[in-house]
PDB file of N, CA and C in Angstrom:
ATOM      1  N   UNK A   1     101.978 102.699  70.268  1.00  0.00           N
ATOM      2  CA  UNK A   1     103.281 103.088  70.771  1.00  0.00           C
ATOM      3  C   UNK A   1     103.472 102.706  72.228  1.00  0.00           C
ATOM      4  N   UNK A   2     102.470 102.074  72.807  1.00  0.00           N
ATOM      5  CA  UNK A   2     102.549 101.729  74.224  1.00  0.00           C
ATOM      6  C   UNK A   2     103.690 100.757  74.507  1.00  0.00           C
ATOM      7  N   UNK A   3     104.096  99.967  73.516  1.00  0.00           N
ATOM      8  CA  UNK A   3     105.158  99.014  73.738  1.00  0.00           C
ATOM      9  C   UNK A   3     106.542  99.549  73.430  1.00  0.00           C
ATOM     10  N   UNK A   4     106.660 100.834  73.157  1.00  0.00           N
ATOM     11  CA  UNK A   4     107.949 101.430  72.810  1.00  0.00           C
ATOM     12  C   UNK A   4     108.928 101.350  73.971  1.00  0.00           C
ATOM     13  N   UNK A   5     110.224 101.181  73.675  1.00  0.00           N
ATOM     14  CA  UNK A   5     111.212 101.231  74.757  1.00  0.00           C
ATOM     15  C   UNK A   5     111.164 102.593  75.439  1.00  0.00           C
ATOM     16  N   UNK A   6     111.369 102.600  76.720  1.00  0.00           N
ATOM     17  CA  UNK A   6     111.333 103.858  77.455  1.00  0.00           C
ATOM     18  C   UNK A   6     109.954 104.153  78.027  1.00  0.00           C
ATOM     19  N   UNK A   7     108.948 103.394  77.619  1.00  0.00           N
ATOM     20  CA  UNK A   7     107.603 103.582  78.159  1.00  0.00           C
ATOM     21  C   UNK A   7     107.238 102.405  79.057  1.00  0.00           C
ATOM     22  N   UNK A   8     108.190 101.984  79.850  1.00  0.00           N
ATOM     23  CA  UNK A   8     108.008 100.820  80.697  1.00  0.00           C
ATOM     24  C   UNK A   8     107.604 101.239  82.110  1.00  0.00           C
ATOM     25  N   UNK A   9     107.123 102.455  82.261  1.00  0.00           N
ATOM     26  CA  UNK A   9     106.744 102.959  83.584  1.00  0.00           C
ATOM     27  C   UNK A   9     105.734 102.008  84.218  1.00  0.00           C
ATOM     28  N   UNK A  10     105.944 101.745  85.504  1.00  0.00           N
ATOM     29  CA  UNK A  10     105.063 100.834  86.227  1.00  0.00           C
ATOM     30  C   UNK A  10     103.677 101.462  86.356  1.00  0.00           C
ATOM     31  N   UNK A  11     102.665 100.663  86.072  1.00  0.00           N
ATOM     32  CA  UNK A  11     101.295 101.143  86.176  1.00  0.00           C
ATOM     33  C   UNK A  11     100.950 101.380  87.646  1.00  0.00           C
ATOM     34  N   UNK A  12     100.357 102.523  87.938  1.00  0.00           N
ATOM     35  CA  UNK A  12      99.988 102.866  89.314  1.00  0.00           C
ATOM     36  C   UNK A  12      98.919 101.897  89.814  1.00  0.00           C
ATOM     37  N   UNK A  13      98.982 101.550  91.092  1.00  0.00           N
ATOM     38  CA  UNK A  13      98.034 100.617  91.708  1.00  0.00           C
ATOM     39  C   UNK A  13      96.587 100.996  91.402  1.00  0.00           C
ATOM     40  N   UNK A  14      96.236 102.283  91.554  1.00  0.00           N
ATOM     41  CA  UNK A  14      94.837 102.677  91.343  1.00  0.00           C
ATOM     42  C   UNK A  14      94.433 102.569  89.870  1.00  0.00           C
ATOM     43  N   UNK A  15      95.390 102.736  88.947  1.00  0.00           N
ATOM     44  CA  UNK A  15      95.085 102.542  87.524  1.00  0.00           C
ATOM     45  C   UNK A  15      94.905 101.057  87.218  1.00  0.00           C
ATOM     46  N   UNK A  16      95.784 100.256  87.774  1.00  0.00           N
ATOM     47  CA  UNK A  16      95.739  98.815  87.546  1.00  0.00           C
ATOM     48  C   UNK A  16      94.414  98.221  88.022  1.00  0.00           C
ATOM     49  N   UNK A  17      93.894  98.737  89.129  1.00  0.00           N
ATOM     50  CA  UNK A  17      92.674  98.186  89.731  1.00  0.00           C
ATOM     51  C   UNK A  17      91.467  99.101  89.545  1.00  0.00           C
ATOM     52  N   UNK A  18      91.528  99.946  88.537  1.00  0.00           N
ATOM     53  CA  UNK A  18      90.482 100.963  88.314  1.00  0.00           C
ATOM     54  C   UNK A  18      89.075 100.359  88.300  1.00  0.00           C
ATOM     55  N   UNK A  19      88.851  99.358  87.454  1.00  0.00           N
ATOM     56  CA  UNK A  19      87.502  98.794  87.316  1.00  0.00           C
ATOM     57  C   UNK A  19      87.006  98.169  88.612  1.00  0.00           C
ATOM     58  N   UNK A  20      87.879  97.444  89.302  1.00  0.00           N
ATOM     59  CA  UNK A  20      87.480  96.824  90.567  1.00  0.00           C
ATOM     60  C   UNK A  20      87.143  97.883  91.602  1.00  0.00           C
ATOM     61  N   UNK A  21      87.941  98.934  91.670  1.00  0.00           N
ATOM     62  CA  UNK A  21      87.656 100.019  92.620  1.00  0.00           C
ATOM     63  C   UNK A  21      86.313 100.672  92.294  1.00  0.00           C
ATOM     64  N   UNK A  22      86.057 100.919  91.018  1.00  0.00           N
ATOM     65  CA  UNK A  22      84.787 101.537  90.620  1.00  0.00           C
ATOM     66  C   UNK A  22      83.616 100.643  91.026  1.00  0.00           C
ATOM     67  N   UNK A  23      83.772  99.341  90.877  1.00  0.00           N
ATOM     68  CA  UNK A  23      82.689  98.417  91.197  1.00  0.00           C
ATOM     69  C   UNK A  23      82.518  98.186  92.697  1.00  0.00           C
ATOM     70  N   UNK A  24      83.606  98.236  93.459  1.00  0.00           N
ATOM     71  CA  UNK A  24      83.525  97.772  94.850  1.00  0.00           C
ATOM     72  C   UNK A  24      83.563  98.850  95.923  1.00  0.00           C
ATOM     73  N   UNK A  25      84.065 100.059  95.629  1.00  0.00           N
ATOM     74  CA  UNK A  25      84.046 101.125  96.644  1.00  0.00           C
ATOM     75  C   UNK A  25      82.618 101.647  96.722  1.00  0.00           C
ATOM     76  N   UNK A  26      82.003 101.558  97.878  1.00  0.00           N
ATOM     77  CA  UNK A  26      80.613 101.971  98.050  1.00  0.00           C
ATOM     78  C   UNK A  26      80.468 103.243  98.873  1.00  0.00           C
ATOM     79  N   UNK A  27      81.282 103.404  99.887  1.00  0.00           N
ATOM     80  CA  UNK A  27      81.140 104.560 100.777  1.00  0.00           C
ATOM     81  C   UNK A  27      82.059 105.674 100.282  1.00  0.00           C
ATOM     82  N   UNK A  28      81.615 106.359  99.247  1.00  0.00           N
ATOM     83  CA  UNK A  28      82.469 107.322  98.546  1.00  0.00           C
ATOM     84  C   UNK A  28      82.584 108.659  99.275  1.00  0.00           C
ATOM     85  N   UNK A  29      81.620 108.984 100.128  1.00  0.00           N
ATOM     86  CA  UNK A  29      81.626 110.272 100.827  1.00  0.00           C
ATOM     87  C   UNK A  29      82.919 110.562 101.569  1.00  0.00           C
ATOM     88  N   UNK A  30      83.365 109.651 102.455  1.00  0.00           N
ATOM     89  CA  UNK A  30      84.619 109.903 103.181  1.00  0.00           C
ATOM     90  C   UNK A  30      85.841 109.997 102.265  1.00  0.00           C
ATOM     91  N   UNK A  31      85.825 109.271 101.156  1.00  0.00           N
ATOM     92  CA  UNK A  31      86.930 109.345 100.195  1.00  0.00           C
ATOM     93  C   UNK A  31      86.956 110.733  99.553  1.00  0.00           C
ATOM     94  N   UNK A  32      85.783 111.205  99.134  1.00  0.00           N
ATOM     95  CA  UNK A  32      85.694 112.557  98.564  1.00  0.00           C
ATOM     96  C   UNK A  32      86.121 113.609  99.574  1.00  0.00           C
ATOM     97  N   UNK A  33      85.672 113.452 100.819  1.00  0.00           N
ATOM     98  CA  UNK A  33      86.056 114.407 101.868  1.00  0.00           C
ATOM     99  C   UNK A  33      87.571 114.457 102.029  1.00  0.00           C
ATOM    100  N   UNK A  34      88.204 113.280 102.015  1.00  0.00           N
ATOM    101  CA  UNK A  34      89.659 113.219 102.137  1.00  0.00           C
ATOM    102  C   UNK A  34      90.366 113.885 100.972  1.00  0.00           C
ATOM    103  N   UNK A  35      89.859 113.667  99.752  1.00  0.00           N
ATOM    104  CA  UNK A  35      90.463 114.290  98.568  1.00  0.00           C
ATOM    105  C   UNK A  35      90.327 115.807  98.613  1.00  0.00           C
ATOM    106  N   UNK A  36      89.202 116.294  99.124  1.00  0.00           N
ATOM    107  CA  UNK A  36      89.013 117.740  99.267  1.00  0.00           C
ATOM    108  C   UNK A  36      89.954 118.291 100.336  1.00  0.00           C
ATOM    109  N   UNK A  37      90.023 117.605 101.470  1.00  0.00           N
ATOM    110  CA  UNK A  37      90.871 118.056 102.579  1.00  0.00           C
ATOM    111  C   UNK A  37      92.344 118.104 102.175  1.00  0.00           C
ATOM    112  N   UNK A  38      92.783 117.129 101.370  1.00  0.00           N
ATOM    113  CA  UNK A  38      94.189 117.077 100.931  1.00  0.00           C
ATOM    114  C   UNK A  38      94.439 117.944  99.699  1.00  0.00           C
ATOM    115  N   UNK A  39      93.407 118.695  99.287  1.00  0.00           N
ATOM    116  CA  UNK A  39      93.505 119.631  98.164  1.00  0.00           C
ATOM    117  C   UNK A  39      93.774 118.942  96.825  1.00  0.00           C
ATOM    118  N   UNK A  40      93.348 117.678  96.725  1.00  0.00           N
ATOM    119  CA  UNK A  40      93.405 116.978  95.444  1.00  0.00           C
ATOM    120  C   UNK A  40      92.244 117.445  94.568  1.00  0.00           C
ATOM    121  N   UNK A  41      91.101 117.732  95.213  1.00  0.00           N
ATOM    122  CA  UNK A  41      89.931 118.253  94.509  1.00  0.00           C
ATOM    123  C   UNK A  41      89.644 119.672  94.968  1.00  0.00           C
ATOM    124  N   UNK A  42      89.232 120.505  94.038  1.00  0.00           N
ATOM    125  CA  UNK A  42      88.732 121.831  94.383  1.00  0.00           C
ATOM    126  C   UNK A  42      87.291 121.690  94.859  1.00  0.00           C
ATOM    127  N   UNK A  43      86.832 122.659  95.627  1.00  0.00           N
ATOM    128  CA  UNK A  43      85.461 122.633  96.159  1.00  0.00           C
ATOM    129  C   UNK A  43      84.426 122.462  95.042  1.00  0.00           C
ATOM    130  N   UNK A  44      84.621 123.170  93.948  1.00  0.00           N
ATOM    131  CA  UNK A  44      83.671 123.093  92.828  1.00  0.00           C
ATOM    132  C   UNK A  44      83.609 121.676  92.252  1.00  0.00           C
ATOM    133  N   UNK A  45      84.779 121.058  92.071  1.00  0.00           N
ATOM    134  CA  UNK A  45      84.837 119.688  91.553  1.00  0.00           C
ATOM    135  C   UNK A  45      84.228 118.721  92.552  1.00  0.00           C
ATOM    136  N   UNK A  46      84.533 118.911  93.829  1.00  0.00           N
ATOM    137  CA  UNK A  46      83.976 118.088  94.905  1.00  0.00           C
ATOM    138  C   UNK A  46      82.445 118.113  94.840  1.00  0.00           C
ATOM    139  N   UNK A  47      81.868 119.306  94.750  1.00  0.00           N
ATOM    140  CA  UNK A  47      80.408 119.447  94.702  1.00  0.00           C
ATOM    141  C   UNK A  47      79.825 118.803  93.448  1.00  0.00           C
ATOM    142  N   UNK A  48      80.531 118.950  92.342  1.00  0.00           N
ATOM    143  CA  UNK A  48      80.085 118.351  91.082  1.00  0.00           C
ATOM    144  C   UNK A  48      80.061 116.823  91.207  1.00  0.00           C
ATOM    145  N   UNK A  49      81.107 116.243  91.782  1.00  0.00           N
ATOM    146  CA  UNK A  49      81.176 114.790  91.934  1.00  0.00           C
ATOM    147  C   UNK A  49      80.112 114.307  92.918  1.00  0.00           C
ATOM    148  N   UNK A  50      79.931 115.034  94.032  1.00  0.00           N
ATOM    149  CA  UNK A  50      78.914 114.657  95.029  1.00  0.00           C
ATOM    150  C   UNK A  50      77.522 114.595  94.413  1.00  0.00           C
ATOM    151  N   UNK A  51      77.262 115.432  93.409  1.00  0.00           N
ATOM    152  CA  UNK A  51      75.924 115.500  92.816  1.00  0.00           C
ATOM    153  C   UNK A  51      75.641 114.345  91.848  1.00  0.00           C
ATOM    154  N   UNK A  52      76.658 113.584  91.489  1.00  0.00           N
ATOM    155  CA  UNK A  52      76.446 112.459  90.577  1.00  0.00           C
ATOM    156  C   UNK A  52      75.640 111.367  91.289  1.00  0.00           C
ATOM    157  N   UNK A  53      74.781 110.636  90.543  1.00  0.00           N
ATOM    158  CA  UNK A  53      73.796 109.762  91.183  1.00  0.00           C
ATOM    159  C   UNK A  53      74.329 108.456  91.784  1.00  0.00           C
ATOM    160  N   UNK A  54      75.435 107.925  91.266  1.00  0.00           N
ATOM    161  CA  UNK A  54      75.905 106.623  91.755  1.00  0.00           C
ATOM    162  C   UNK A  54      77.370 106.693  92.177  1.00  0.00           C
ATOM    163  N   UNK A  55      77.760 105.759  93.038  1.00  0.00           N
ATOM    164  CA  UNK A  55      79.167 105.710  93.450  1.00  0.00           C
ATOM    165  C   UNK A  55      80.063 105.395  92.253  1.00  0.00           C
ATOM    166  N   UNK A  56      79.556 104.584  91.314  1.00  0.00           N
ATOM    167  CA  UNK A  56      80.350 104.262  90.124  1.00  0.00           C
ATOM    168  C   UNK A  56      80.642 105.521  89.306  1.00  0.00           C
ATOM    169  N   UNK A  57      79.616 106.343  89.080  1.00  0.00           N
ATOM    170  CA  UNK A  57      79.839 107.567  88.294  1.00  0.00           C
ATOM    171  C   UNK A  57      80.735 108.541  89.051  1.00  0.00           C
ATOM    172  N   UNK A  58      80.614 108.571  90.380  1.00  0.00           N
ATOM    173  CA  UNK A  58      81.475 109.441  91.183  1.00  0.00           C
ATOM    174  C   UNK A  58      82.932 108.997  91.075  1.00  0.00           C
ATOM    175  N   UNK A  59      83.173 107.697  91.164  1.00  0.00           N
ATOM    176  CA  UNK A  59      84.546 107.192  91.063  1.00  0.00           C
ATOM    177  C   UNK A  59      85.120 107.399  89.662  1.00  0.00           C
ATOM    178  N   UNK A  60      84.315 107.219  88.638  1.00  0.00           N
ATOM    179  CA  UNK A  60      84.808 107.479  87.275  1.00  0.00           C
ATOM    180  C   UNK A  60      85.259 108.930  87.137  1.00  0.00           C
ATOM    181  N   UNK A  61      84.492 109.831  87.720  1.00  0.00           N
ATOM    182  CA  UNK A  61      84.850 111.252  87.654  1.00  0.00           C
ATOM    183  C   UNK A  61      86.131 111.524  88.450  1.00  0.00           C
ATOM    184  N   UNK A  62      86.283 110.889  89.607  1.00  0.00           N
ATOM    185  CA  UNK A  62      87.525 111.025  90.386  1.00  0.00           C
ATOM    186  C   UNK A  62      88.708 110.561  89.535  1.00  0.00           C
ATOM    187  N   UNK A  63      88.565 109.403  88.892  1.00  0.00           N
ATOM    188  CA  UNK A  63      89.654 108.896  88.051  1.00  0.00           C
ATOM    189  C   UNK A  63      89.985 109.862  86.923  1.00  0.00           C
ATOM    190  N   UNK A  64      88.977 110.497  86.336  1.00  0.00           N
ATOM    191  CA  UNK A  64      89.284 111.441  85.255  1.00  0.00           C
ATOM    192  C   UNK A  64      90.030 112.660  85.797  1.00  0.00           C
ATOM    193  N   UNK A  65      89.756 113.046  87.034  1.00  0.00           N
ATOM    194  CA  UNK A  65      90.481 114.167  87.658  1.00  0.00           C
ATOM    195  C   UNK A  65      91.928 113.784  87.981  1.00  0.00           C
ATOM    196  N   UNK A  66      92.171 112.509  88.258  1.00  0.00           N
ATOM    197  CA  UNK A  66      93.500 112.040  88.677  1.00  0.00           C
ATOM    198  C   UNK A  66      94.371 111.598  87.504  1.00  0.00           C
ATOM    199  N   UNK A  67      93.849 111.633  86.312  1.00  0.00           N
ATOM    200  CA  UNK A  67      94.456 110.977  85.152  1.00  0.00           C
ATOM    201  C   UNK A  67      95.974 111.093  85.059  1.00  0.00           C
ATOM    202  N   UNK A  68      96.526 112.282  85.176  1.00  0.00           N
ATOM    203  CA  UNK A  68      97.955 112.447  84.892  1.00  0.00           C
ATOM    204  C   UNK A  68      98.836 112.617  86.124  1.00  0.00           C
ATOM    205  N   UNK A  69      98.260 112.730  87.280  1.00  0.00           N
ATOM    206  CA  UNK A  69      99.045 113.134  88.451  1.00  0.00           C
ATOM    207  C   UNK A  69      99.285 111.965  89.406  1.00  0.00           C
ATOM    208  N   UNK A  70     100.475 111.367  89.335  1.00  0.00           N
ATOM    209  CA  UNK A  70     100.782 110.250  90.228  1.00  0.00           C
ATOM    210  C   UNK A  70     100.755 110.663  91.693  1.00  0.00           C
ATOM    211  N   UNK A  71     101.173 111.891  92.003  1.00  0.00           N
ATOM    212  CA  UNK A  71     101.129 112.361  93.389  1.00  0.00           C
ATOM    213  C   UNK A  71      99.715 112.343  93.930  1.00  0.00           C
ATOM    214  N   UNK A  72      98.762 112.754  93.102  1.00  0.00           N
ATOM    215  CA  UNK A  72      97.354 112.733  93.511  1.00  0.00           C
ATOM    216  C   UNK A  72      96.849 111.301  93.634  1.00  0.00           C
ATOM    217  N   UNK A  73      97.325 110.425  92.760  1.00  0.00           N
ATOM    218  CA  UNK A  73      96.938 109.016  92.850  1.00  0.00           C
ATOM    219  C   UNK A  73      97.460 108.405  94.144  1.00  0.00           C
ATOM    220  N   UNK A  74      98.663 108.804  94.559  1.00  0.00           N
ATOM    221  CA  UNK A  74      99.214 108.315  95.831  1.00  0.00           C
ATOM    222  C   UNK A  74      98.332 108.743  96.997  1.00  0.00           C
ATOM    223  N   UNK A  75      97.879 109.982  96.971  1.00  0.00           N
ATOM    224  CA  UNK A  75      96.993 110.481  98.031  1.00  0.00           C
ATOM    225  C   UNK A  75      95.674 109.717  97.999  1.00  0.00           C
ATOM    226  N   UNK A  76      95.116 109.530  96.805  1.00  0.00           N
ATOM    227  CA  UNK A  76      93.874 108.773  96.636  1.00  0.00           C
ATOM    228  C   UNK A  76      94.035 107.371  97.216  1.00  0.00           C
ATOM    229  N   UNK A  77      95.151 106.710  96.900  1.00  0.00           N
ATOM    230  CA  UNK A  77      95.403 105.370  97.418  1.00  0.00           C
ATOM    231  C   UNK A  77      95.506 105.378  98.939  1.00  0.00           C
ATOM    232  N   UNK A  78      96.187 106.350  99.517  1.00  0.00           N
ATOM    233  CA  UNK A  78      96.320 106.385 100.981  1.00  0.00           C
ATOM    234  C   UNK A  78      94.957 106.591 101.647  1.00  0.00           C
ATOM    235  N   UNK A  79      94.082 107.387 101.015  1.00  0.00           N
ATOM    236  CA  UNK A  79      92.730 107.574 101.553  1.00  0.00           C
ATOM    237  C   UNK A  79      91.943 106.269 101.435  1.00  0.00           C
ATOM    238  N   UNK A  80      92.069 105.587 100.297  1.00  0.00           N
ATOM    239  CA  UNK A  80      91.390 104.298 100.139  1.00  0.00           C
ATOM    240  C   UNK A  80      91.899 103.278 101.154  1.00  0.00           C
ATOM    241  N   UNK A  81      93.215 103.287 101.433  1.00  0.00           N
ATOM    242  CA  UNK A  81      93.763 102.356 102.421  1.00  0.00           C
ATOM    243  C   UNK A  81      93.166 102.611 103.800  1.00  0.00           C
ATOM    244  N   UNK A  82      92.864 103.865 104.086  1.00  0.00           N
ATOM    245  CA  UNK A  82      92.271 104.214 105.375  1.00  0.00           C
ATOM    246  C   UNK A  82      90.778 103.900 105.411  1.00  0.00           C
ATOM    247  N   UNK A  83      90.044 104.265 104.357  1.00  0.00           N
ATOM    248  CA  UNK A  83      88.579 104.166 104.350  1.00  0.00           C
ATOM    249  C   UNK A  83      88.058 102.832 103.830  1.00  0.00           C
ATOM    250  N   UNK A  84      88.829 102.164 102.995  1.00  0.00           N
ATOM    251  CA  UNK A  84      88.410 100.901 102.375  1.00  0.00           C
ATOM    252  C   UNK A  84      89.526  99.866 102.538  1.00  0.00           C
ATOM    253  N   UNK A  85      90.028  99.740 103.755  1.00  0.00           N
ATOM    254  CA  UNK A  85      91.222  98.925 103.993  1.00  0.00           C
ATOM    255  C   UNK A  85      91.044  97.463 103.581  1.00  0.00           C
ATOM    256  N   UNK A  86      89.867  96.888 103.842  1.00  0.00           N
ATOM    257  CA  UNK A  86      89.628  95.490 103.475  1.00  0.00           C
ATOM    258  C   UNK A  86      89.742  95.286 101.961  1.00  0.00           C
ATOM    259  N   UNK A  87      89.224  96.218 101.184  1.00  0.00           N
ATOM    260  CA  UNK A  87      89.253  96.118  99.727  1.00  0.00           C
ATOM    261  C   UNK A  87      90.683  96.262  99.200  1.00  0.00           C
ATOM    262  N   UNK A  88      91.411  97.247  99.689  1.00  0.00           N
ATOM    263  CA  UNK A  88      92.786  97.469  99.222  1.00  0.00           C
ATOM    264  C   UNK A  88      93.669  96.283  99.607  1.00  0.00           C
ATOM    265  N   UNK A  89      93.496  95.760 100.819  1.00  0.00           N
ATOM    266  CA  UNK A  89      94.273  94.588 101.243  1.00  0.00           C
ATOM    267  C   UNK A  89      93.980  93.398 100.328  1.00  0.00           C
ATOM    268  N   UNK A  90      92.720  93.225  99.965  1.00  0.00           N
ATOM    269  CA  UNK A  90      92.333  92.139  99.069  1.00  0.00           C
ATOM    270  C   UNK A  90      93.002  92.300  97.702  1.00  0.00           C
ATOM    271  N   UNK A  91      92.984  93.504  97.164  1.00  0.00           N
ATOM    272  CA  UNK A  91      93.604  93.755  95.858  1.00  0.00           C
ATOM    273  C   UNK A  91      95.121  93.599  95.915  1.00  0.00           C
ATOM    274  N   UNK A  92      95.734  94.063  97.009  1.00  0.00           N
ATOM    275  CA  UNK A  92      97.193  93.946  97.136  1.00  0.00           C
ATOM    276  C   UNK A  92      97.617  92.487  97.248  1.00  0.00           C
ATOM    277  N   UNK A  93      96.783  91.662  97.863  1.00  0.00           N
ATOM    278  CA  UNK A  93      97.132  90.247  98.005  1.00  0.00           C
ATOM    279  C   UNK A  93      97.087  89.527  96.661  1.00  0.00           C
ATOM    280  N   UNK A  94      96.410  90.113  95.687  1.00  0.00           N
ATOM    281  CA  UNK A  94      96.289  89.498  94.360  1.00  0.00           C
ATOM    282  C   UNK A  94      97.361  89.979  93.397  1.00  0.00           C
ATOM    283  N   UNK A  95      98.185  90.928  93.817  1.00  0.00           N
ATOM    284  CA  UNK A  95      99.239  91.465  92.932  1.00  0.00           C
ATOM    285  C   UNK A  95     100.372  90.478  92.782  1.00  0.00           C
TER     286      UNK A  95
END
């Protein structure tokens, strides 16, 4: 049903580049700190994500927390633009 009329909503930047972000964001600590500070993540979720062994698994968990909330994805993107500006600029140039 993904091709149904009325479901033409533009894919969010972070969804479109999900796999690349998971593979290329390495310094996840400041991103997590920003998500906690902006109240996108609860303290319990923050601690759970911090305990995961790899940045890839941490980012996958962040994406699962952001699944339905475009407002939270916007905040996530703004934090990535601040903390991973070179990566986001590279991805935006390819759009």
